[in-house]
Amino acid sequence: MAQTKENGNMPNAHLHELLVDEMRDILGAERQLLKGLKKLANAAESPTLKKAFEEHYGQTENHIERLKSAFSNLGLSGRGKKCKAMEGLLKEAEEIIEEFEDSPEVVDAALIAAAQKVEHYEIASYGCIVTYAKLMGHDEVKELLGQTLAEEKETDELLTEIAMSEANVGETA
């Protein structure tokens, strides 16, 4: 069970354990993602896509720091747990890299698909956490992780733009 904080006067205190568990899960996921983003960047053919992965690496480091601050705000240690969902998503990304490494015309589209699956997982996770924090009156946690949620959505939109302008379109005759 997650470590609890004295929460007798907290609104929606029944969500506390869930909030902490979800935060530990996404912290583990973000740490796992750092390794995955390096592999995605190395496999990308498009300089635009490679740059997007490299920039998201820096954002991910900031996401980890925000999570640590959120834990601190709750009076808890910022320790994560192994995220099985991220582990699976990154394993799938590695399989995609191997499967399409000899198809430069397809590899970036495949990498974007894998990366967007990761982004959608993060968006869902942060969306829930931000909602729980709001319902519990943890305004600083809501604000901190709301910034991360916004960045994850921006990254997803950027990946879509790269897909539609470069990776998913063939050469015109």
Protein backbone atom coordinates (compact mmCIF):
# COMPACT_ATOMS: atom_id res chain seq x y z
CA MET A 1 0.00 0.00 0.00
CA ALA A 2 1.05 3.56 -0.59
CA GLN A 3 2.33 5.62 2.30
CA THR A 4 -0.41 7.81 3.73
CA LYS A 5 -0.37 11.35 5.01
CA GLU A 6 -2.64 12.61 7.79
CA ASN A 7 -5.73 13.37 5.76
CA GLY A 8 -8.65 13.61 8.15
CA ASN A 9 -9.73 17.08 6.98
CA MET A 10 -8.87 16.60 3.33
CA PRO A 11 -11.77 16.59 0.85
CA ASN A 12 -12.09 13.29 -1.00
CA ALA A 13 -9.48 11.72 1.27
CA HIS A 14 -10.55 8.29 -0.03
CA LEU A 15 -8.55 9.11 -3.21
CA HIS A 16 -5.25 9.68 -1.38
CA GLU A 17 -3.88 6.14 -1.74
CA LEU A 18 -4.85 6.09 -5.41
CA LEU A 19 -3.24 9.48 -6.06
CA VAL A 20 0.03 8.38 -4.46
CA ASP A 21 0.03 5.04 -6.28
CA GLU A 22 -0.59 6.72 -9.64
CA MET A 23 2.18 9.24 -8.96
CA ARG A 24 4.63 6.45 -8.11
CA ASP A 25 3.63 4.60 -11.28
CA ILE A 26 4.11 7.61 -13.59
CA LEU A 27 7.41 8.49 -11.89
CA GLY A 28 8.66 5.00 -12.72
CA ALA A 29 7.26 5.38 -16.24
CA GLU A 30 9.04 8.68 -16.81
CA ARG A 31 12.35 7.20 -15.66
CA GLN A 32 11.90 4.24 -18.01
CA LEU A 33 10.99 6.61 -20.83
CA LEU A 34 14.34 8.41 -20.61
CA LYS A 35 16.06 5.27 -21.90
CA GLY A 36 13.38 4.71 -24.52
CA LEU A 37 13.61 8.23 -25.93
CA LYS A 38 17.32 7.79 -26.61
CA LYS A 39 16.57 4.66 -28.63
CA LEU A 40 13.76 6.40 -30.53
CA ALA A 41 15.98 9.38 -31.34
CA ASN A 42 18.78 7.12 -32.55
CA ALA A 43 16.41 5.17 -34.80
CA ALA A 44 14.69 8.22 -36.34
CA GLU A 45 15.51 9.03 -39.96
CA SER A 46 14.00 12.53 -39.99
CA PRO A 47 16.07 15.28 -38.36
CA THR A 48 12.78 16.87 -37.26
CA LEU A 49 11.64 13.70 -35.51
CA LYS A 50 15.08 13.09 -33.98
CA LYS A 51 15.02 16.65 -32.58
CA ALA A 52 11.49 16.16 -31.21
CA PHE A 53 12.58 13.01 -29.34
CA GLU A 54 15.69 14.78 -28.00
CA GLU A 55 13.64 17.77 -26.81
CA HIS A 56 11.11 15.47 -25.16
CA TYR A 57 14.00 13.83 -23.31
CA GLY A 58 14.72 17.20 -21.66
CA GLN A 59 11.04 17.68 -20.91
CA THR A 60 10.90 14.22 -19.36
CA GLU A 61 13.73 15.16 -17.01
CA ASN A 62 11.64 18.18 -15.97
CA HIS A 63 8.58 15.94 -15.53
CA ILE A 64 10.55 13.82 -13.08
CA GLU A 65 11.57 16.92 -11.11
CA ARG A 66 7.96 18.14 -11.00
CA LEU A 67 6.83 14.76 -9.71
CA LYS A 68 9.49 14.90 -6.98
CA SER A 69 8.21 18.37 -6.04
CA ALA A 70 4.64 17.07 -5.98
CA PHE A 71 5.65 14.23 -3.66
CA SER A 72 7.45 16.69 -1.42
CA ASN A 73 4.36 18.91 -1.37
CA LEU A 74 2.39 15.92 -0.09
CA GLY A 75 5.04 15.20 2.55
CA LEU A 76 6.11 11.98 0.83
CA SER A 77 9.35 10.62 -0.59
CA GLY A 78 9.55 10.73 -4.36
CA ARG A 79 10.06 7.09 -5.09
CA GLY A 80 8.60 5.43 -8.12
CA LYS A 81 7.64 1.91 -8.91
CA LYS A 82 8.17 -0.15 -12.02
CA CYS A 83 5.51 0.76 -14.54
CA LYS A 84 4.49 -2.39 -16.37
CA ALA A 85 2.49 -0.43 -18.95
CA MET A 86 5.50 1.70 -19.93
CA GLU A 87 7.69 -1.39 -19.96
CA GLY A 88 5.31 -2.96 -22.48
CA LEU A 89 5.03 0.17 -24.60
CA LEU A 90 8.81 0.54 -24.78
CA LYS A 91 9.27 -3.13 -25.60
CA GLU A 92 6.81 -2.68 -28.46
CA ALA A 93 8.77 0.39 -29.62
CA GLU A 94 11.99 -1.66 -29.66
CA GLU A 95 10.25 -4.33 -31.74
CA ILE A 96 9.09 -1.67 -34.19
CA ILE A 97 12.64 -0.32 -34.48
CA GLU A 98 13.95 -3.81 -35.27
CA GLU A 99 11.13 -4.64 -37.67
CA PHE A 100 11.44 -1.45 -39.74
CA GLU A 101 15.12 -0.53 -39.41
CA ASP A 102 15.73 -1.58 -43.02
CA SER A 103 12.75 0.44 -44.29
CA PRO A 104 13.74 4.09 -43.93
CA GLU A 105 10.58 5.20 -45.73
CA VAL A 106 8.46 3.58 -43.00
CA VAL A 107 10.54 3.72 -39.84
CA ASP A 108 9.60 7.26 -38.80
CA ALA A 109 5.87 6.59 -39.18
CA ALA A 110 6.32 3.47 -37.05
CA LEU A 111 8.34 5.37 -34.42
CA ILE A 112 5.69 8.07 -34.23
CA ALA A 113 2.97 5.46 -33.74
CA ALA A 114 4.96 3.91 -30.88
CA ALA A 115 5.72 7.31 -29.34
CA GLN A 116 2.09 8.41 -29.51
CA LYS A 117 1.02 5.28 -27.65
CA VAL A 118 3.43 6.33 -24.90
CA GLU A 119 2.14 9.92 -24.96
CA HIS A 120 -1.48 8.78 -24.72
CA TYR A 121 -0.62 6.62 -21.70
CA GLU A 122 1.07 9.61 -20.06
CA ILE A 123 -1.84 11.92 -20.91
CA ALA A 124 -4.30 9.49 -19.34
CA SER A 125 -2.12 9.06 -16.24
CA TYR A 126 -1.48 12.75 -15.66
CA GLY A 127 -5.12 13.58 -16.43
CA CYS A 128 -6.26 11.28 -13.63
CA ILE A 129 -3.62 12.53 -11.20
CA VAL A 130 -4.48 16.18 -11.87
CA THR A 131 -8.18 15.41 -11.34
CA TYR A 132 -7.52 13.61 -8.05
CA ALA A 133 -5.29 16.45 -6.84
CA LYS A 134 -7.98 18.99 -7.74
CA LEU A 135 -10.70 17.01 -5.97
CA MET A 136 -8.52 16.69 -2.87
CA GLY A 137 -7.57 20.36 -2.75
CA HIS A 138 -3.89 19.77 -3.55
CA ASP A 139 -3.64 22.91 -5.65
CA GLU A 140 0.15 22.98 -5.96
CA VAL A 141 0.24 19.34 -7.08
CA LYS A 142 -2.57 20.08 -9.53
CA GLU A 143 -0.65 23.05 -10.96
CA LEU A 144 2.72 21.27 -11.15
CA LEU A 145 1.41 18.16 -12.83
CA GLY A 146 -1.07 20.15 -14.91
CA GLN A 147 1.97 21.75 -16.57
CA THR A 148 3.29 18.29 -17.38
CA LEU A 149 -0.11 17.22 -18.73
CA ALA A 150 -0.12 20.24 -21.06
CA GLU A 151 3.39 19.41 -22.28
CA GLU A 152 2.43 15.79 -22.96
CA LYS A 153 -0.51 16.98 -25.06
CA GLU A 154 1.77 19.40 -26.95
CA THR A 155 4.21 16.57 -27.67
CA ASP A 156 1.38 14.41 -28.99
CA GLU A 157 0.27 17.26 -31.28
CA LEU A 158 3.86 17.78 -32.48
CA LEU A 159 4.18 14.09 -33.31
CA THR A 160 0.94 14.29 -35.30
CA GLU A 161 2.27 17.31 -37.21
CA ILE A 162 5.51 15.49 -38.05
CA ALA A 163 3.56 12.42 -39.12
CA MET A 164 1.26 14.40 -41.39
CA SER A 165 3.95 16.63 -42.91
CA GLU A 166 6.80 14.11 -43.25
CA ALA A 167 6.52 10.55 -41.99
CA ASN A 168 3.13 9.40 -43.26
CA VAL A 169 3.28 11.02 -46.69
CA GLY A 170 5.05 9.44 -49.62
CA GLU A 171 7.02 11.21 -52.25
CA THR A 172 4.89 12.94 -54.86
CA ALA A 173 5.42 12.23 -58.51
